[in-house]
Amino acid sequence: MYDWRPHAPAQQTVAIRAPQAWLQVTRGSARVNGLEQTAGDGLAPCTEPHLQVEVDAAAELLLIELP
């Protein structure tokens, strides 16, 4: 599990190493591969080896890699 809490707006490419993963937006908002996500939203990017993530300064995301 990875916790991401930027202190300023940020953009990052995230590599997913597990065959299955869950990305949860717990605070703020994010754009993941062009899709707008807000607090409470989650997605299972199981076919994407990399995610392009843009977040606002108040965002907090959890990336959970599943076995």
N, C-alpha and C. Protein backbone atom coordinates (compact mmCIF):
# COMPACT_ATOMS: atom_id res chain seq x y z
N MET A 1 0.85 -1.16 0.00
CA MET A 1 0.00 0.00 0.00
C MET A 1 0.90 1.23 0.00
N TYR A 2 0.54 2.20 -0.82
CA TYR A 2 1.29 3.45 -0.94
C TYR A 2 0.35 4.61 -0.66
N ASP A 3 0.80 5.57 0.11
CA ASP A 3 0.03 6.75 0.47
C ASP A 3 0.73 7.95 -0.15
N TRP A 4 -0.01 8.74 -0.93
CA TRP A 4 0.57 9.91 -1.60
C TRP A 4 -0.15 11.15 -1.14
N ARG A 5 0.58 12.08 -0.51
CA ARG A 5 0.03 13.34 -0.02
C ARG A 5 0.93 14.49 -0.50
N PRO A 6 0.68 15.02 -1.67
CA PRO A 6 1.51 16.13 -2.14
C PRO A 6 1.24 17.40 -1.36
N HIS A 7 2.22 18.28 -1.28
CA HIS A 7 2.07 19.56 -0.59
C HIS A 7 1.78 20.69 -1.56
N ALA A 8 1.79 20.38 -2.85
CA ALA A 8 1.49 21.34 -3.90
C ALA A 8 0.89 20.56 -5.06
N PRO A 9 0.19 21.23 -5.97
CA PRO A 9 -0.31 20.50 -7.13
C PRO A 9 0.84 19.74 -7.80
N ALA A 10 0.57 18.54 -8.25
CA ALA A 10 1.64 17.70 -8.78
C ALA A 10 1.12 16.81 -9.90
N GLN A 11 2.05 16.33 -10.71
CA GLN A 11 1.73 15.38 -11.76
C GLN A 11 2.80 14.30 -11.69
N GLN A 12 2.37 13.05 -11.78
CA GLN A 12 3.32 11.95 -11.65
C GLN A 12 2.81 10.75 -12.44
N THR A 13 3.75 9.99 -13.01
CA THR A 13 3.41 8.72 -13.63
C THR A 13 3.71 7.64 -12.61
N VAL A 14 2.73 6.78 -12.36
CA VAL A 14 2.85 5.74 -11.35
C VAL A 14 2.91 4.39 -12.06
N ALA A 15 3.94 3.60 -11.77
CA ALA A 15 4.05 2.26 -12.32
C ALA A 15 3.38 1.29 -11.36
N ILE A 16 2.51 0.45 -11.89
CA ILE A 16 1.84 -0.56 -11.08
C ILE A 16 2.55 -1.88 -11.31
N ARG A 17 3.08 -2.45 -10.25
CA ARG A 17 3.86 -3.68 -10.37
C ARG A 17 3.04 -4.93 -10.12
N ALA A 18 1.91 -4.81 -9.48
CA ALA A 18 1.09 -5.97 -9.17
C ALA A 18 0.12 -6.25 -10.32
N PRO A 19 -0.31 -7.50 -10.47
CA PRO A 19 -1.25 -7.81 -11.54
C PRO A 19 -2.62 -7.15 -11.33
N GLN A 20 -2.94 -6.84 -10.10
CA GLN A 20 -4.19 -6.16 -9.78
C GLN A 20 -3.90 -5.06 -8.77
N ALA A 21 -4.63 -3.95 -8.88
CA ALA A 21 -4.42 -2.84 -7.97
C ALA A 21 -5.72 -2.07 -7.79
N TRP A 22 -5.77 -1.28 -6.74
CA TRP A 22 -6.91 -0.41 -6.46
C TRP A 22 -6.35 0.95 -6.10
N LEU A 23 -6.88 2.00 -6.73
CA LEU A 23 -6.47 3.37 -6.42
C LEU A 23 -7.66 4.07 -5.80
N GLN A 24 -7.50 4.59 -4.58
CA GLN A 24 -8.58 5.24 -3.85
C GLN A 24 -8.21 6.70 -3.59
N VAL A 25 -9.09 7.62 -3.95
CA VAL A 25 -8.91 9.03 -3.62
C VAL A 25 -9.58 9.25 -2.28
N THR A 26 -8.79 9.56 -1.25
CA THR A 26 -9.36 9.71 0.09
C THR A 26 -9.61 11.17 0.47
N ARG A 27 -8.95 12.10 -0.26
CA ARG A 27 -9.15 13.52 0.02
C ARG A 27 -8.81 14.31 -1.24
N GLY A 28 -9.49 15.43 -1.46
CA GLY A 28 -9.19 16.29 -2.60
C GLY A 28 -9.68 15.70 -3.91
N SER A 29 -8.97 16.02 -4.98
CA SER A 29 -9.35 15.50 -6.29
C SER A 29 -8.10 15.15 -7.08
N ALA A 30 -8.29 14.30 -8.08
CA ALA A 30 -7.20 13.85 -8.93
C ALA A 30 -7.74 13.56 -10.32
N ARG A 31 -6.87 13.63 -11.28
CA ARG A 31 -7.19 13.22 -12.65
C ARG A 31 -6.28 12.03 -12.93
N VAL A 32 -6.87 10.87 -13.21
CA VAL A 32 -6.11 9.65 -13.43
C VAL A 32 -6.35 9.20 -14.88
N ASN A 33 -5.29 9.20 -15.66
CA ASN A 33 -5.40 8.87 -17.09
C ASN A 33 -6.53 9.64 -17.75
N GLY A 34 -6.68 10.91 -17.35
CA GLY A 34 -7.68 11.77 -17.96
C GLY A 34 -9.06 11.72 -17.33
N LEU A 35 -9.27 10.84 -16.36
CA LEU A 35 -10.58 10.71 -15.70
C LEU A 35 -10.56 11.46 -14.38
N GLU A 36 -11.52 12.37 -14.19
CA GLU A 36 -11.61 13.14 -12.96
C GLU A 36 -12.11 12.26 -11.82
N GLN A 37 -11.40 12.27 -10.70
CA GLN A 37 -11.76 11.50 -9.52
C GLN A 37 -11.82 12.46 -8.33
N THR A 38 -12.77 12.25 -7.43
CA THR A 38 -12.86 13.08 -6.23
C THR A 38 -12.87 12.18 -5.01
N ALA A 39 -12.79 12.79 -3.82
CA ALA A 39 -12.74 12.02 -2.57
C ALA A 39 -13.86 10.99 -2.54
N GLY A 40 -13.50 9.77 -2.22
CA GLY A 40 -14.45 8.66 -2.18
C GLY A 40 -14.45 7.82 -3.43
N ASP A 41 -13.90 8.35 -4.52
CA ASP A 41 -13.83 7.58 -5.76
C ASP A 41 -12.67 6.60 -5.71
N GLY A 42 -12.86 5.48 -6.35
CA GLY A 42 -11.80 4.49 -6.47
C GLY A 42 -11.87 3.85 -7.84
N LEU A 43 -10.76 3.30 -8.27
CA LEU A 43 -10.76 2.60 -9.55
C LEU A 43 -9.78 1.46 -9.52
N ALA A 44 -10.06 0.47 -10.36
CA ALA A 44 -9.21 -0.71 -10.46
C ALA A 44 -8.57 -0.71 -11.84
N PRO A 45 -7.39 -0.13 -11.96
CA PRO A 45 -6.73 -0.03 -13.27
C PRO A 45 -6.01 -1.31 -13.65
N CYS A 46 -6.72 -2.43 -13.70
CA CYS A 46 -6.09 -3.73 -13.85
C CYS A 46 -5.41 -3.94 -15.20
N THR A 47 -5.78 -3.19 -16.24
CA THR A 47 -5.16 -3.39 -17.55
C THR A 47 -4.11 -2.33 -17.86
N GLU A 48 -3.87 -1.41 -16.95
CA GLU A 48 -2.93 -0.31 -17.19
C GLU A 48 -1.63 -0.56 -16.43
N PRO A 49 -0.50 -0.66 -17.12
CA PRO A 49 0.77 -0.85 -16.43
C PRO A 49 1.29 0.44 -15.78
N HIS A 50 0.82 1.60 -16.28
CA HIS A 50 1.23 2.90 -15.74
C HIS A 50 0.02 3.80 -15.65
N LEU A 51 0.00 4.67 -14.67
CA LEU A 51 -1.07 5.65 -14.52
C LEU A 51 -0.47 7.05 -14.55
N GLN A 52 -1.11 7.94 -15.29
CA GLN A 52 -0.72 9.36 -15.27
C GLN A 52 -1.65 10.03 -14.26
N VAL A 53 -1.09 10.52 -13.17
CA VAL A 53 -1.88 11.06 -12.07
C VAL A 53 -1.56 12.54 -11.88
N GLU A 54 -2.59 13.38 -11.88
CA GLU A 54 -2.47 14.80 -11.56
C GLU A 54 -3.33 15.06 -10.34
N VAL A 55 -2.79 15.75 -9.35
CA VAL A 55 -3.52 15.98 -8.11
C VAL A 55 -3.48 17.44 -7.71
N ASP A 56 -4.46 17.84 -6.89
CA ASP A 56 -4.41 19.18 -6.31
C ASP A 56 -3.63 19.11 -5.00
N ALA A 57 -3.34 20.24 -4.40
CA ALA A 57 -2.50 20.29 -3.21
C ALA A 57 -3.13 19.60 -2.00
N ALA A 58 -4.45 19.49 -1.98
CA ALA A 58 -5.13 18.89 -0.83
C ALA A 58 -5.40 17.40 -1.02
N ALA A 59 -4.91 16.83 -2.10
CA ALA A 59 -5.24 15.43 -2.41
C ALA A 59 -4.49 14.44 -1.55
N GLU A 60 -5.14 13.30 -1.36
CA GLU A 60 -4.50 12.15 -0.72
C GLU A 60 -5.01 10.92 -1.44
N LEU A 61 -4.10 10.08 -1.90
CA LEU A 61 -4.46 8.88 -2.64
C LEU A 61 -3.81 7.67 -2.00
N LEU A 62 -4.49 6.54 -2.08
CA LEU A 62 -3.93 5.27 -1.65
C LEU A 62 -3.87 4.36 -2.87
N LEU A 63 -2.71 3.77 -3.12
CA LEU A 63 -2.56 2.76 -4.16
C LEU A 63 -2.33 1.45 -3.46
N ILE A 64 -3.24 0.53 -3.66
CA ILE A 64 -3.16 -0.78 -3.01
C ILE A 64 -2.89 -1.82 -4.09
N GLU A 65 -1.73 -2.46 -4.01
CA GLU A 65 -1.39 -3.52 -4.95
C GLU A 65 -1.86 -4.83 -4.35
N LEU A 66 -2.66 -5.57 -5.10
CA LEU A 66 -3.25 -6.81 -4.64
C LEU A 66 -2.48 -8.01 -5.22
N PRO A 67 -2.49 -9.13 -4.52
CA PRO A 67 -1.77 -10.31 -5.04
C PRO A 67 -2.48 -10.90 -6.25
